[in-house]
Amino acid sequence: MDKGLIEAAKSFGATKRQIIFKVMIKEAMPSIISGITLSVISILGYTAMAGVVGAGGLGNVALVYGHQQFDTPVIVYTVIALIILVQIIQGIGNILYKKLR
């Protein structure tokens, strides 16, 4: 965050609250969106891994129906589903990042 931007807001008579909400958060929003995108993708990966240890979801499907029953197409389809979900989330995050930048 450029300190000159904060100084400019102060010189226009902005209050501390206005500086925080209208200057600092507005400037930090692309980074916040980027962090949220990364967090959501990480959570998706963690839930898939948790499914392997019994939490359900795509990880459980891949393990029970794919690995334990030797059904390779099920494993392939679940991996493709996870890749598609990650790409959709990343694409939305990139679009929002570019719009806010």
N, C-alpha and C. Protein backbone atom coordinates (compact mmCIF):
# COMPACT_ATOMS: atom_id res chain seq x y z
N MET A 1 0.85 -1.17 0.00
CA MET A 1 0.00 0.00 0.00
C MET A 1 0.89 1.23 0.00
N ASP A 2 0.64 2.11 -0.94
CA ASP A 2 1.44 3.32 -1.08
C ASP A 2 1.05 4.33 0.00
N LYS A 3 2.05 4.79 0.75
CA LYS A 3 1.78 5.75 1.82
C LYS A 3 1.32 7.09 1.26
N GLY A 4 1.72 7.39 0.03
CA GLY A 4 1.28 8.64 -0.60
C GLY A 4 -0.22 8.68 -0.81
N LEU A 5 -0.80 7.53 -1.06
CA LEU A 5 -2.25 7.44 -1.25
C LEU A 5 -2.98 7.75 0.05
N ILE A 6 -2.46 7.26 1.15
CA ILE A 6 -3.06 7.56 2.46
C ILE A 6 -2.90 9.03 2.79
N GLU A 7 -1.73 9.58 2.49
CA GLU A 7 -1.51 11.01 2.72
C GLU A 7 -2.44 11.87 1.87
N ALA A 8 -2.69 11.43 0.64
CA ALA A 8 -3.61 12.17 -0.22
C ALA A 8 -5.03 12.14 0.35
N ALA A 9 -5.43 10.99 0.87
CA ALA A 9 -6.77 10.88 1.47
C ALA A 9 -6.87 11.76 2.71
N LYS A 10 -5.80 11.80 3.50
CA LYS A 10 -5.80 12.68 4.68
C LYS A 10 -5.88 14.14 4.29
N SER A 11 -5.18 14.49 3.22
CA SER A 11 -5.18 15.90 2.79
C SER A 11 -6.56 16.32 2.26
N PHE A 12 -7.35 15.38 1.79
CA PHE A 12 -8.71 15.69 1.35
C PHE A 12 -9.68 15.72 2.52
N GLY A 13 -9.21 15.41 3.72
CA GLY A 13 -10.03 15.48 4.91
C GLY A 13 -10.76 14.19 5.25
N ALA A 14 -10.26 13.07 4.78
CA ALA A 14 -10.90 11.80 5.07
C ALA A 14 -10.65 11.40 6.53
N THR A 15 -11.66 10.80 7.12
CA THR A 15 -11.52 10.31 8.49
C THR A 15 -10.77 8.97 8.45
N LYS A 16 -10.39 8.50 9.65
CA LYS A 16 -9.68 7.21 9.72
C LYS A 16 -10.54 6.08 9.16
N ARG A 17 -11.82 6.11 9.48
CA ARG A 17 -12.74 5.08 8.98
C ARG A 17 -12.83 5.13 7.45
N GLN A 18 -12.91 6.32 6.88
CA GLN A 18 -12.97 6.45 5.42
C GLN A 18 -11.66 5.98 4.78
N ILE A 19 -10.55 6.27 5.41
CA ILE A 19 -9.26 5.82 4.88
C ILE A 19 -9.21 4.29 4.88
N ILE A 20 -9.67 3.68 5.96
CA ILE A 20 -9.62 2.21 6.04
C ILE A 20 -10.55 1.58 5.01
N PHE A 21 -11.81 2.01 4.97
CA PHE A 21 -12.79 1.32 4.13
C PHE A 21 -12.74 1.75 2.67
N LYS A 22 -12.46 3.01 2.39
CA LYS A 22 -12.51 3.49 1.01
C LYS A 22 -11.17 3.53 0.31
N VAL A 23 -10.09 3.47 1.07
CA VAL A 23 -8.77 3.52 0.44
C VAL A 23 -8.03 2.20 0.63
N MET A 24 -7.80 1.83 1.88
CA MET A 24 -6.95 0.67 2.15
C MET A 24 -7.60 -0.65 1.70
N ILE A 25 -8.86 -0.87 2.06
CA ILE A 25 -9.52 -2.12 1.67
C ILE A 25 -9.72 -2.18 0.17
N LYS A 26 -10.04 -1.05 -0.44
CA LYS A 26 -10.22 -1.02 -1.89
C LYS A 26 -8.93 -1.36 -2.62
N GLU A 27 -7.81 -0.91 -2.10
CA GLU A 27 -6.52 -1.21 -2.71
C GLU A 27 -6.08 -2.65 -2.43
N ALA A 28 -6.48 -3.21 -1.29
CA ALA A 28 -6.06 -4.55 -0.92
C ALA A 28 -6.98 -5.64 -1.46
N MET A 29 -8.11 -5.26 -2.04
CA MET A 29 -9.10 -6.25 -2.48
C MET A 29 -8.56 -7.28 -3.47
N PRO A 30 -7.76 -6.93 -4.48
CA PRO A 30 -7.22 -7.98 -5.36
C PRO A 30 -6.39 -9.03 -4.61
N SER A 31 -5.60 -8.60 -3.66
CA SER A 31 -4.81 -9.55 -2.87
C SER A 31 -5.69 -10.41 -1.98
N ILE A 32 -6.74 -9.82 -1.46
CA ILE A 32 -7.68 -10.57 -0.63
C ILE A 32 -8.38 -11.64 -1.46
N ILE A 33 -8.82 -11.29 -2.66
CA ILE A 33 -9.47 -12.24 -3.56
C ILE A 33 -8.51 -13.37 -3.92
N SER A 34 -7.26 -13.01 -4.17
CA SER A 34 -6.25 -14.02 -4.50
C SER A 34 -6.06 -14.99 -3.33
N GLY A 35 -6.01 -14.49 -2.13
CA GLY A 35 -5.86 -15.33 -0.95
C GLY A 35 -7.06 -16.22 -0.72
N ILE A 36 -8.26 -15.68 -0.94
CA ILE A 36 -9.48 -16.47 -0.78
C ILE A 36 -9.51 -17.60 -1.80
N THR A 37 -9.10 -17.31 -3.04
CA THR A 37 -9.06 -18.34 -4.08
C THR A 37 -8.11 -19.46 -3.69
N LEU A 38 -6.94 -19.11 -3.24
CA LEU A 38 -5.98 -20.11 -2.81
C LEU A 38 -6.50 -20.94 -1.63
N SER A 39 -7.17 -20.28 -0.70
CA SER A 39 -7.72 -20.98 0.47
C SER A 39 -8.81 -21.96 0.07
N VAL A 40 -9.70 -21.55 -0.83
CA VAL A 40 -10.79 -22.44 -1.25
C VAL A 40 -10.24 -23.66 -1.97
N ILE A 41 -9.23 -23.46 -2.82
CA ILE A 41 -8.62 -24.59 -3.52
C ILE A 41 -7.93 -25.52 -2.53
N SER A 42 -7.27 -24.96 -1.54
CA SER A 42 -6.63 -25.79 -0.51
C SER A 42 -7.65 -26.59 0.29
N ILE A 43 -8.76 -25.95 0.63
CA ILE A 43 -9.82 -26.64 1.38
C ILE A 43 -10.40 -27.77 0.54
N LEU A 44 -10.55 -27.56 -0.76
CA LEU A 44 -11.04 -28.63 -1.64
C LEU A 44 -10.09 -29.82 -1.62
N GLY A 45 -8.80 -29.55 -1.67
CA GLY A 45 -7.82 -30.62 -1.59
C GLY A 45 -7.84 -31.33 -0.25
N TYR A 46 -8.00 -30.56 0.82
CA TYR A 46 -8.04 -31.17 2.15
C TYR A 46 -9.29 -32.04 2.32
N THR A 47 -10.43 -31.61 1.77
CA THR A 47 -11.63 -32.43 1.89
C THR A 47 -11.50 -33.72 1.09
N ALA A 48 -10.82 -33.66 -0.04
CA ALA A 48 -10.59 -34.89 -0.81
C ALA A 48 -9.69 -35.84 -0.03
N MET A 49 -8.67 -35.29 0.64
CA MET A 49 -7.79 -36.14 1.45
C MET A 49 -8.52 -36.67 2.68
N ALA A 50 -9.40 -35.85 3.26
CA ALA A 50 -10.16 -36.29 4.42
C ALA A 50 -11.13 -37.40 4.04
N GLY A 51 -11.62 -37.38 2.81
CA GLY A 51 -12.50 -38.44 2.35
C GLY A 51 -11.83 -39.79 2.35
N VAL A 52 -10.54 -39.81 2.15
CA VAL A 52 -9.79 -41.06 2.14
C VAL A 52 -9.78 -41.69 3.53
N VAL A 53 -9.78 -40.88 4.56
CA VAL A 53 -9.75 -41.42 5.92
C VAL A 53 -11.14 -41.54 6.54
N GLY A 54 -12.18 -41.42 5.72
CA GLY A 54 -13.52 -41.69 6.21
C GLY A 54 -14.47 -40.53 6.31
N ALA A 55 -14.13 -39.38 5.80
CA ALA A 55 -15.02 -38.22 5.93
C ALA A 55 -16.06 -38.15 4.83
N GLY A 56 -16.00 -39.01 3.83
CA GLY A 56 -16.95 -38.98 2.73
C GLY A 56 -16.46 -38.07 1.61
N GLY A 57 -17.29 -37.88 0.62
CA GLY A 57 -16.95 -37.00 -0.49
C GLY A 57 -16.20 -37.71 -1.60
N LEU A 58 -15.54 -36.93 -2.45
CA LEU A 58 -14.86 -37.48 -3.62
C LEU A 58 -13.68 -38.37 -3.25
N GLY A 59 -12.99 -38.03 -2.19
CA GLY A 59 -11.88 -38.88 -1.75
C GLY A 59 -12.34 -40.26 -1.34
N ASN A 60 -13.46 -40.31 -0.66
CA ASN A 60 -14.03 -41.59 -0.24
C ASN A 60 -14.50 -42.40 -1.45
N VAL A 61 -15.12 -41.73 -2.42
CA VAL A 61 -15.57 -42.42 -3.63
C VAL A 61 -14.37 -43.02 -4.36
N ALA A 62 -13.31 -42.23 -4.50
CA ALA A 62 -12.13 -42.73 -5.20
C ALA A 62 -11.52 -43.93 -4.47
N LEU A 63 -11.50 -43.88 -3.16
CA LEU A 63 -10.89 -44.97 -2.39
C LEU A 63 -11.76 -46.22 -2.40
N VAL A 64 -13.03 -46.07 -2.01
CA VAL A 64 -13.89 -47.24 -1.84
C VAL A 64 -14.25 -47.88 -3.17
N TYR A 65 -14.74 -47.09 -4.09
CA TYR A 65 -15.21 -47.67 -5.36
C TYR A 65 -14.09 -47.82 -6.38
N GLY A 66 -13.09 -46.97 -6.32
CA GLY A 66 -12.02 -47.05 -7.29
C GLY A 66 -10.89 -47.95 -6.89
N HIS A 67 -10.27 -47.63 -5.78
CA HIS A 67 -9.06 -48.36 -5.37
C HIS A 67 -9.38 -49.74 -4.80
N GLN A 68 -10.30 -49.80 -3.85
CA GLN A 68 -10.57 -51.07 -3.17
C GLN A 68 -11.31 -52.09 -4.05
N GLN A 69 -12.08 -51.60 -5.02
CA GLN A 69 -12.78 -52.51 -5.92
C GLN A 69 -12.10 -52.61 -7.28
N PHE A 70 -10.91 -52.06 -7.39
CA PHE A 70 -10.10 -52.11 -8.60
C PHE A 70 -10.86 -51.59 -9.83
N ASP A 71 -11.56 -50.47 -9.63
CA ASP A 71 -12.31 -49.85 -10.72
C ASP A 71 -11.59 -48.57 -11.13
N THR A 72 -10.64 -48.71 -12.04
CA THR A 72 -9.78 -47.59 -12.45
C THR A 72 -10.57 -46.41 -13.02
N PRO A 73 -11.61 -46.62 -13.83
CA PRO A 73 -12.35 -45.46 -14.34
C PRO A 73 -12.93 -44.57 -13.25
N VAL A 74 -13.33 -45.15 -12.13
CA VAL A 74 -13.87 -44.33 -11.04
C VAL A 74 -12.79 -43.40 -10.50
N ILE A 75 -11.59 -43.91 -10.33
CA ILE A 75 -10.48 -43.07 -9.85
C ILE A 75 -10.21 -41.95 -10.85
N VAL A 76 -10.18 -42.31 -12.12
CA VAL A 76 -9.91 -41.32 -13.16
C VAL A 76 -10.99 -40.25 -13.17
N TYR A 77 -12.26 -40.64 -13.07
CA TYR A 77 -13.35 -39.66 -13.09
C TYR A 77 -13.33 -38.75 -11.87
N THR A 78 -13.00 -39.29 -10.71
CA THR A 78 -12.95 -38.43 -9.52
C THR A 78 -11.78 -37.45 -9.61
N VAL A 79 -10.66 -37.89 -10.13
CA VAL A 79 -9.52 -36.99 -10.29
C VAL A 79 -9.87 -35.90 -11.31
N ILE A 80 -10.52 -36.29 -12.40
CA ILE A 80 -10.93 -35.30 -13.41
C ILE A 80 -11.94 -34.31 -12.82
N ALA A 81 -12.87 -34.81 -12.00
CA ALA A 81 -13.84 -33.93 -11.34
C ALA A 81 -13.13 -32.93 -10.43
N LEU A 82 -12.14 -33.38 -9.68
CA LEU A 82 -11.39 -32.47 -8.81
C LEU A 82 -10.62 -31.44 -9.63
N ILE A 83 -10.02 -31.87 -10.72
CA ILE A 83 -9.27 -30.93 -11.57
C ILE A 83 -10.21 -29.89 -12.15
N ILE A 84 -11.39 -30.32 -12.61
CA ILE A 84 -12.35 -29.37 -13.16
C ILE A 84 -12.81 -28.38 -12.10
N LEU A 85 -13.09 -28.86 -10.89
CA LEU A 85 -13.50 -27.96 -9.80
C LEU A 85 -12.41 -26.93 -9.49
N VAL A 86 -11.17 -27.38 -9.43
CA VAL A 86 -10.07 -26.47 -9.15
C VAL A 86 -9.93 -25.45 -10.26
N GLN A 87 -10.06 -25.87 -11.51
CA GLN A 87 -9.93 -24.94 -12.63
C GLN A 87 -11.06 -23.91 -12.64
N ILE A 88 -12.27 -24.33 -12.29
CA ILE A 88 -13.39 -23.39 -12.22
C ILE A 88 -13.16 -22.36 -11.11
N ILE A 89 -12.76 -22.82 -9.95
CA ILE A 89 -12.49 -21.91 -8.84
C ILE A 89 -11.35 -20.95 -9.19
N GLN A 90 -10.29 -21.47 -9.78
CA GLN A 90 -9.15 -20.63 -10.14
C GLN A 90 -9.54 -19.63 -11.23
N GLY A 91 -10.36 -20.06 -12.18
CA GLY A 91 -10.80 -19.15 -13.24
C GLY A 91 -11.64 -18.01 -12.70
N ILE A 92 -12.57 -18.31 -11.80
CA ILE A 92 -13.39 -17.27 -11.19
C ILE A 92 -12.52 -16.32 -10.37
N GLY A 93 -11.57 -16.88 -9.63
CA GLY A 93 -10.65 -16.04 -8.85
C GLY A 93 -9.82 -15.13 -9.74
N ASN A 94 -9.34 -15.64 -10.85
CA ASN A 94 -8.54 -14.82 -11.78
C ASN A 94 -9.38 -13.71 -12.40
N ILE A 95 -10.62 -14.02 -12.77
CA ILE A 95 -11.50 -13.00 -13.36
C ILE A 95 -11.76 -11.89 -12.35
N LEU A 96 -12.09 -12.27 -11.11
CA LEU A 96 -12.33 -11.25 -10.08
C LEU A 96 -11.08 -10.43 -9.80
N TYR A 97 -9.92 -11.09 -9.79
CA TYR A 97 -8.66 -10.38 -9.55
C TYR A 97 -8.41 -9.34 -10.64
N LYS A 98 -8.61 -9.72 -11.89
CA LYS A 98 -8.36 -8.80 -12.99
C LYS A 98 -9.35 -7.65 -13.00
N LYS A 99 -10.61 -7.92 -12.61
CA LYS A 99 -11.60 -6.85 -12.56
C LYS A 99 -11.27 -5.83 -11.47
N LEU A 100 -10.78 -6.31 -10.35
CA LEU A 100 -10.50 -5.42 -9.22
C LEU A 100 -9.14 -4.76 -9.31
N ARG A 101 -8.29 -5.25 -10.15
CA ARG A 101 -6.95 -4.67 -10.26
C ARG A 101 -6.99 -3.47 -11.07
